[in-house]
Amino acid sequence: QVQLVESGGGLVQAGGSLTLSCVASGSIFNFNIMGWYRQAIDKQRELVATITNRGITNYVDSVKGRSTITRDNVKNTVYLQMNSLKPEDTAVYYCNLQSRGSTYWGQGNQVTVSS
């Protein structure tokens, strides 16, 4: 079993920045993909960014150029730094880990961007 614990959400003004962190623990295999998804009110959950254990990244178009996903494989931690935040970035952000056909989710962390 894998547990994901997120931190770093909160309220930020438009144009500001924040960094989300997610620590994974449990039975984690070397090859895995970690990432962030988000779900705004009345919208479906969407991918924000992912990163493989080898550092290959993928971003949704709406955050490209404003966000950076990184990971520390020793600490089993993934980070999402978001800059130039917009009100439309407001959502619950979920940490995600995919490994050996299984998918795990964090509890969700609210990010609110005020205009």
N, C-alpha and C. Protein backbone atom coordinates (compact mmCIF):
# COMPACT_ATOMS: atom_id res chain seq x y z
N GLN A 1 0.83 -1.19 0.00
CA GLN A 1 0.00 0.00 0.00
C GLN A 1 0.87 1.25 0.00
N VAL A 2 0.35 2.29 -0.63
CA VAL A 2 1.08 3.55 -0.74
C VAL A 2 0.25 4.67 -0.13
N GLN A 3 0.90 5.53 0.61
CA GLN A 3 0.24 6.70 1.18
C GLN A 3 0.88 7.96 0.60
N LEU A 4 0.05 8.93 0.30
CA LEU A 4 0.50 10.21 -0.23
C LEU A 4 0.01 11.32 0.67
N VAL A 5 0.94 12.13 1.15
CA VAL A 5 0.59 13.23 2.04
C VAL A 5 1.02 14.54 1.40
N GLU A 6 0.05 15.40 1.19
CA GLU A 6 0.28 16.66 0.48
C GLU A 6 0.39 17.82 1.47
N SER A 7 1.05 18.87 1.03
CA SER A 7 1.11 20.11 1.80
C SER A 7 1.39 21.27 0.85
N GLY A 8 1.13 22.48 1.36
CA GLY A 8 1.52 23.67 0.60
C GLY A 8 0.40 24.45 -0.05
N GLY A 9 -0.82 24.00 0.06
CA GLY A 9 -1.92 24.75 -0.54
C GLY A 9 -2.27 25.96 0.30
N GLY A 10 -3.31 26.68 -0.14
CA GLY A 10 -3.76 27.84 0.61
C GLY A 10 -4.31 28.92 -0.28
N LEU A 11 -4.36 30.12 0.26
CA LEU A 11 -4.90 31.28 -0.45
C LEU A 11 -3.76 32.15 -0.93
N VAL A 12 -3.82 32.53 -2.20
CA VAL A 12 -2.77 33.37 -2.78
C VAL A 12 -3.43 34.36 -3.73
N GLN A 13 -2.84 35.52 -3.86
CA GLN A 13 -3.37 36.53 -4.78
C GLN A 13 -2.96 36.21 -6.21
N ALA A 14 -3.77 36.66 -7.13
CA ALA A 14 -3.44 36.48 -8.54
C ALA A 14 -2.07 37.09 -8.83
N GLY A 15 -1.29 36.36 -9.61
CA GLY A 15 0.07 36.79 -9.91
C GLY A 15 1.10 36.23 -8.95
N GLY A 16 0.63 35.65 -7.86
CA GLY A 16 1.53 35.11 -6.87
C GLY A 16 2.01 33.71 -7.21
N SER A 17 2.73 33.13 -6.26
CA SER A 17 3.31 31.80 -6.46
C SER A 17 3.07 30.93 -5.24
N LEU A 18 3.10 29.64 -5.45
CA LEU A 18 3.11 28.70 -4.35
C LEU A 18 3.71 27.39 -4.81
N THR A 19 4.11 26.59 -3.82
CA THR A 19 4.68 25.28 -4.11
C THR A 19 3.94 24.22 -3.33
N LEU A 20 3.48 23.22 -4.03
CA LEU A 20 2.85 22.06 -3.42
C LEU A 20 3.88 20.95 -3.26
N SER A 21 3.76 20.21 -2.18
CA SER A 21 4.65 19.08 -1.93
C SER A 21 3.83 17.84 -1.64
N CYS A 22 4.38 16.69 -2.00
CA CYS A 22 3.70 15.43 -1.73
C CYS A 22 4.74 14.37 -1.41
N VAL A 23 4.60 13.77 -0.24
CA VAL A 23 5.52 12.73 0.19
C VAL A 23 4.83 11.38 0.07
N ALA A 24 5.49 10.46 -0.60
CA ALA A 24 4.95 9.11 -0.75
C ALA A 24 5.66 8.16 0.20
N SER A 25 4.89 7.25 0.77
CA SER A 25 5.46 6.24 1.64
C SER A 25 4.75 4.92 1.39
N GLY A 26 5.41 3.84 1.82
CA GLY A 26 4.83 2.52 1.62
C GLY A 26 5.58 1.73 0.59
N SER A 27 4.88 0.86 -0.10
CA SER A 27 5.50 -0.04 -1.08
C SER A 27 5.63 0.68 -2.42
N ILE A 28 6.73 1.38 -2.59
CA ILE A 28 6.96 2.17 -3.79
C ILE A 28 8.02 1.49 -4.64
N PHE A 29 7.66 1.18 -5.85
CA PHE A 29 8.63 0.58 -6.75
C PHE A 29 9.43 1.66 -7.46
N ASN A 30 10.60 1.28 -7.90
CA ASN A 30 11.50 2.27 -8.49
C ASN A 30 10.89 2.97 -9.70
N PHE A 31 10.22 2.20 -10.55
CA PHE A 31 9.62 2.84 -11.72
C PHE A 31 8.22 3.30 -11.38
N ASN A 32 8.01 4.59 -11.41
CA ASN A 32 6.70 5.12 -11.16
C ASN A 32 6.56 6.52 -11.75
N ILE A 33 5.36 6.95 -11.84
CA ILE A 33 5.06 8.30 -12.29
C ILE A 33 4.34 9.01 -11.16
N MET A 34 4.82 10.17 -10.80
CA MET A 34 4.16 10.99 -9.80
C MET A 34 3.65 12.26 -10.47
N GLY A 35 2.61 12.80 -9.91
CA GLY A 35 2.08 13.99 -10.54
C GLY A 35 1.01 14.68 -9.74
N TRP A 36 0.43 15.68 -10.36
CA TRP A 36 -0.61 16.49 -9.75
C TRP A 36 -1.80 16.59 -10.69
N TYR A 37 -2.97 16.44 -10.11
CA TYR A 37 -4.23 16.67 -10.81
C TYR A 37 -4.99 17.72 -10.01
N ARG A 38 -5.97 18.30 -10.63
CA ARG A 38 -6.79 19.28 -9.92
C ARG A 38 -8.25 19.16 -10.34
N GLN A 39 -9.09 19.58 -9.43
CA GLN A 39 -10.53 19.55 -9.70
C GLN A 39 -11.16 20.82 -9.16
N ALA A 40 -11.68 21.61 -10.06
CA ALA A 40 -12.40 22.82 -9.68
C ALA A 40 -13.88 22.48 -9.48
N ILE A 41 -14.59 23.37 -8.84
CA ILE A 41 -16.01 23.14 -8.57
C ILE A 41 -16.75 22.96 -9.89
N ASP A 42 -17.56 21.94 -9.94
CA ASP A 42 -18.40 21.64 -11.11
C ASP A 42 -17.61 21.29 -12.36
N LYS A 43 -16.35 20.88 -12.17
CA LYS A 43 -15.53 20.46 -13.30
C LYS A 43 -14.92 19.09 -13.02
N GLN A 44 -14.52 18.43 -14.09
CA GLN A 44 -13.88 17.13 -13.93
C GLN A 44 -12.44 17.30 -13.48
N ARG A 45 -11.94 16.27 -12.83
CA ARG A 45 -10.54 16.29 -12.43
C ARG A 45 -9.67 16.26 -13.69
N GLU A 46 -8.62 17.09 -13.68
CA GLU A 46 -7.75 17.16 -14.84
C GLU A 46 -6.29 17.06 -14.43
N LEU A 47 -5.50 16.55 -15.35
CA LEU A 47 -4.06 16.46 -15.12
C LEU A 47 -3.45 17.85 -15.14
N VAL A 48 -2.53 18.08 -14.22
CA VAL A 48 -1.78 19.34 -14.22
C VAL A 48 -0.36 19.08 -14.73
N ALA A 49 0.31 18.14 -14.10
CA ALA A 49 1.68 17.82 -14.49
C ALA A 49 2.07 16.46 -13.93
N THR A 50 2.94 15.77 -14.66
CA THR A 50 3.47 14.51 -14.17
C THR A 50 4.98 14.46 -14.40
N ILE A 51 5.63 13.58 -13.66
CA ILE A 51 7.07 13.40 -13.81
C ILE A 51 7.39 11.94 -13.52
N THR A 52 8.19 11.33 -14.38
CA THR A 52 8.59 9.95 -14.14
C THR A 52 9.78 9.92 -13.19
N ASN A 53 10.11 8.72 -12.75
CA ASN A 53 11.25 8.59 -11.85
C ASN A 53 12.55 8.99 -12.54
N ARG A 54 12.53 9.04 -13.88
CA ARG A 54 13.72 9.47 -14.62
C ARG A 54 13.68 10.95 -14.98
N GLY A 55 12.64 11.65 -14.53
CA GLY A 55 12.60 13.09 -14.73
C GLY A 55 11.91 13.57 -15.99
N ILE A 56 11.23 12.69 -16.68
CA ILE A 56 10.49 13.11 -17.87
C ILE A 56 9.18 13.75 -17.41
N THR A 57 8.94 14.95 -17.89
CA THR A 57 7.79 15.72 -17.42
C THR A 57 6.73 15.91 -18.51
N ASN A 58 5.54 16.18 -18.03
CA ASN A 58 4.40 16.45 -18.92
C ASN A 58 3.51 17.47 -18.22
N TYR A 59 3.04 18.47 -18.97
CA TYR A 59 2.21 19.53 -18.40
C TYR A 59 0.95 19.73 -19.23
N VAL A 60 -0.11 20.12 -18.56
CA VAL A 60 -1.29 20.56 -19.29
C VAL A 60 -0.98 21.93 -19.87
N ASP A 61 -1.54 22.23 -21.03
CA ASP A 61 -1.20 23.47 -21.72
C ASP A 61 -1.43 24.71 -20.86
N SER A 62 -2.46 24.70 -20.05
CA SER A 62 -2.83 25.89 -19.30
C SER A 62 -1.81 26.29 -18.24
N VAL A 63 -0.90 25.40 -17.87
CA VAL A 63 0.11 25.73 -16.86
C VAL A 63 1.52 25.76 -17.43
N LYS A 64 1.69 25.38 -18.68
CA LYS A 64 3.02 25.39 -19.29
C LYS A 64 3.61 26.79 -19.23
N GLY A 65 4.88 26.85 -18.87
CA GLY A 65 5.56 28.14 -18.77
C GLY A 65 5.35 28.83 -17.44
N ARG A 66 4.39 28.35 -16.65
CA ARG A 66 4.12 28.96 -15.34
C ARG A 66 4.40 27.99 -14.19
N SER A 67 4.58 26.73 -14.51
CA SER A 67 4.71 25.73 -13.46
C SER A 67 5.89 24.82 -13.73
N THR A 68 6.43 24.30 -12.64
CA THR A 68 7.55 23.36 -12.74
C THR A 68 7.32 22.22 -11.77
N ILE A 69 7.37 21.01 -12.30
CA ILE A 69 7.25 19.83 -11.45
C ILE A 69 8.62 19.20 -11.30
N THR A 70 8.97 18.86 -10.08
CA THR A 70 10.25 18.22 -9.80
C THR A 70 10.02 17.11 -8.78
N ARG A 71 11.03 16.28 -8.61
CA ARG A 71 10.90 15.22 -7.62
C ARG A 71 12.26 14.90 -7.02
N ASP A 72 12.20 14.36 -5.83
CA ASP A 72 13.38 13.88 -5.11
C ASP A 72 13.16 12.39 -4.89
N ASN A 73 13.86 11.57 -5.65
CA ASN A 73 13.63 10.13 -5.56
C ASN A 73 14.10 9.53 -4.24
N VAL A 74 15.06 10.17 -3.61
CA VAL A 74 15.54 9.66 -2.32
C VAL A 74 14.46 9.89 -1.25
N LYS A 75 13.83 11.04 -1.32
CA LYS A 75 12.80 11.39 -0.34
C LYS A 75 11.40 10.97 -0.78
N ASN A 76 11.29 10.39 -1.99
CA ASN A 76 9.97 10.02 -2.54
C ASN A 76 8.99 11.19 -2.47
N THR A 77 9.47 12.33 -2.88
CA THR A 77 8.68 13.55 -2.81
C THR A 77 8.59 14.21 -4.18
N VAL A 78 7.41 14.70 -4.48
CA VAL A 78 7.20 15.44 -5.71
C VAL A 78 6.75 16.85 -5.35
N TYR A 79 7.21 17.82 -6.13
CA TYR A 79 6.89 19.22 -5.89
C TYR A 79 6.24 19.82 -7.15
N LEU A 80 5.36 20.75 -6.93
CA LEU A 80 4.80 21.51 -8.04
C LEU A 80 4.89 22.99 -7.67
N GLN A 81 5.77 23.70 -8.37
CA GLN A 81 5.87 25.14 -8.17
C GLN A 81 5.02 25.82 -9.24
N MET A 82 4.14 26.69 -8.79
CA MET A 82 3.25 27.40 -9.69
C MET A 82 3.47 28.89 -9.55
N ASN A 83 3.70 29.56 -10.66
CA ASN A 83 3.92 31.00 -10.69
C ASN A 83 2.82 31.68 -11.50
N SER A 84 2.76 32.98 -11.37
CA SER A 84 1.79 33.78 -12.13
C SER A 84 0.40 33.17 -12.01
N LEU A 85 0.01 32.86 -10.81
CA LEU A 85 -1.26 32.17 -10.58
C LEU A 85 -2.44 33.02 -11.02
N LYS A 86 -3.46 32.34 -11.52
CA LYS A 86 -4.67 32.99 -12.01
C LYS A 86 -5.87 32.46 -11.22
N PRO A 87 -6.93 33.23 -11.17
CA PRO A 87 -8.13 32.73 -10.47
C PRO A 87 -8.61 31.39 -11.01
N GLU A 88 -8.41 31.14 -12.28
CA GLU A 88 -8.84 29.86 -12.85
C GLU A 88 -7.98 28.69 -12.41
N ASP A 89 -6.91 28.95 -11.68
CA ASP A 89 -6.11 27.88 -11.10
C ASP A 89 -6.72 27.39 -9.78
N THR A 90 -7.73 28.08 -9.31
CA THR A 90 -8.40 27.67 -8.08
C THR A 90 -9.00 26.28 -8.22
N ALA A 91 -8.64 25.39 -7.31
CA ALA A 91 -9.10 24.01 -7.37
C ALA A 91 -8.55 23.25 -6.17
N VAL A 92 -9.04 22.04 -6.03
CA VAL A 92 -8.40 21.10 -5.10
C VAL A 92 -7.35 20.34 -5.90
N TYR A 93 -6.15 20.36 -5.40
CA TYR A 93 -5.03 19.71 -6.08
C TYR A 93 -4.74 18.37 -5.41
N TYR A 94 -4.65 17.34 -6.24
CA TYR A 94 -4.43 15.99 -5.75
C TYR A 94 -3.09 15.45 -6.22
N CYS A 95 -2.34 14.91 -5.31
CA CYS A 95 -1.12 14.20 -5.66
C CYS A 95 -1.49 12.81 -6.18
N ASN A 96 -0.72 12.33 -7.13
CA ASN A 96 -1.03 11.06 -7.77
C ASN A 96 0.25 10.27 -7.98
N LEU A 97 0.17 8.97 -7.76
CA LEU A 97 1.29 8.09 -8.03
C LEU A 97 0.78 6.88 -8.80
N GLN A 98 1.46 6.56 -9.88
CA GLN A 98 1.11 5.40 -10.68
C GLN A 98 2.30 4.45 -10.73
N SER A 99 2.05 3.20 -10.41
CA SER A 99 3.13 2.24 -10.40
C SER A 99 2.58 0.84 -10.55
N ARG A 100 3.14 0.09 -11.49
CA ARG A 100 2.78 -1.31 -11.69
C ARG A 100 1.28 -1.50 -11.82
N GLY A 101 0.65 -0.63 -12.57
CA GLY A 101 -0.77 -0.78 -12.84
C GLY A 101 -1.69 -0.27 -11.75
N SER A 102 -1.14 0.21 -10.67
CA SER A 102 -1.95 0.75 -9.58
C SER A 102 -1.85 2.26 -9.54
N THR A 103 -2.92 2.88 -9.09
CA THR A 103 -2.97 4.34 -8.98
C THR A 103 -3.34 4.72 -7.55
N TYR A 104 -2.62 5.68 -7.01
CA TYR A 104 -2.86 6.14 -5.65
C TYR A 104 -3.08 7.66 -5.66
N TRP A 105 -3.91 8.11 -4.72
CA TRP A 105 -4.24 9.52 -4.63
C TRP A 105 -4.00 10.05 -3.23
N GLY A 106 -3.61 11.32 -3.18
CA GLY A 106 -3.54 12.01 -1.91
C GLY A 106 -4.93 12.49 -1.52
N GLN A 107 -5.00 13.13 -0.37
CA GLN A 107 -6.30 13.53 0.17
C GLN A 107 -6.84 14.80 -0.49
N GLY A 108 -5.99 15.52 -1.19
CA GLY A 108 -6.43 16.77 -1.82
C GLY A 108 -6.05 17.98 -0.99
N ASN A 109 -5.68 19.03 -1.68
CA ASN A 109 -5.22 20.24 -1.02
C ASN A 109 -5.81 21.44 -1.76
N GLN A 110 -6.53 22.29 -1.04
CA GLN A 110 -7.20 23.41 -1.69
C GLN A 110 -6.21 24.52 -2.02
N VAL A 111 -6.30 24.99 -3.24
CA VAL A 111 -5.57 26.17 -3.69
C VAL A 111 -6.60 27.18 -4.17
N THR A 112 -6.59 28.36 -3.57
CA THR A 112 -7.52 29.41 -3.95
C THR A 112 -6.74 30.63 -4.38
N VAL A 113 -7.02 31.11 -5.58
CA VAL A 113 -6.35 32.29 -6.12
C VAL A 113 -7.36 33.42 -6.19
N SER A 114 -7.11 34.47 -5.44
CA SER A 114 -8.03 35.60 -5.41
C SER A 114 -7.64 36.63 -6.46
N SER A 115 -8.65 37.26 -7.02
CA SER A 115 -8.39 38.27 -8.07
C SER A 115 -8.22 39.66 -7.49
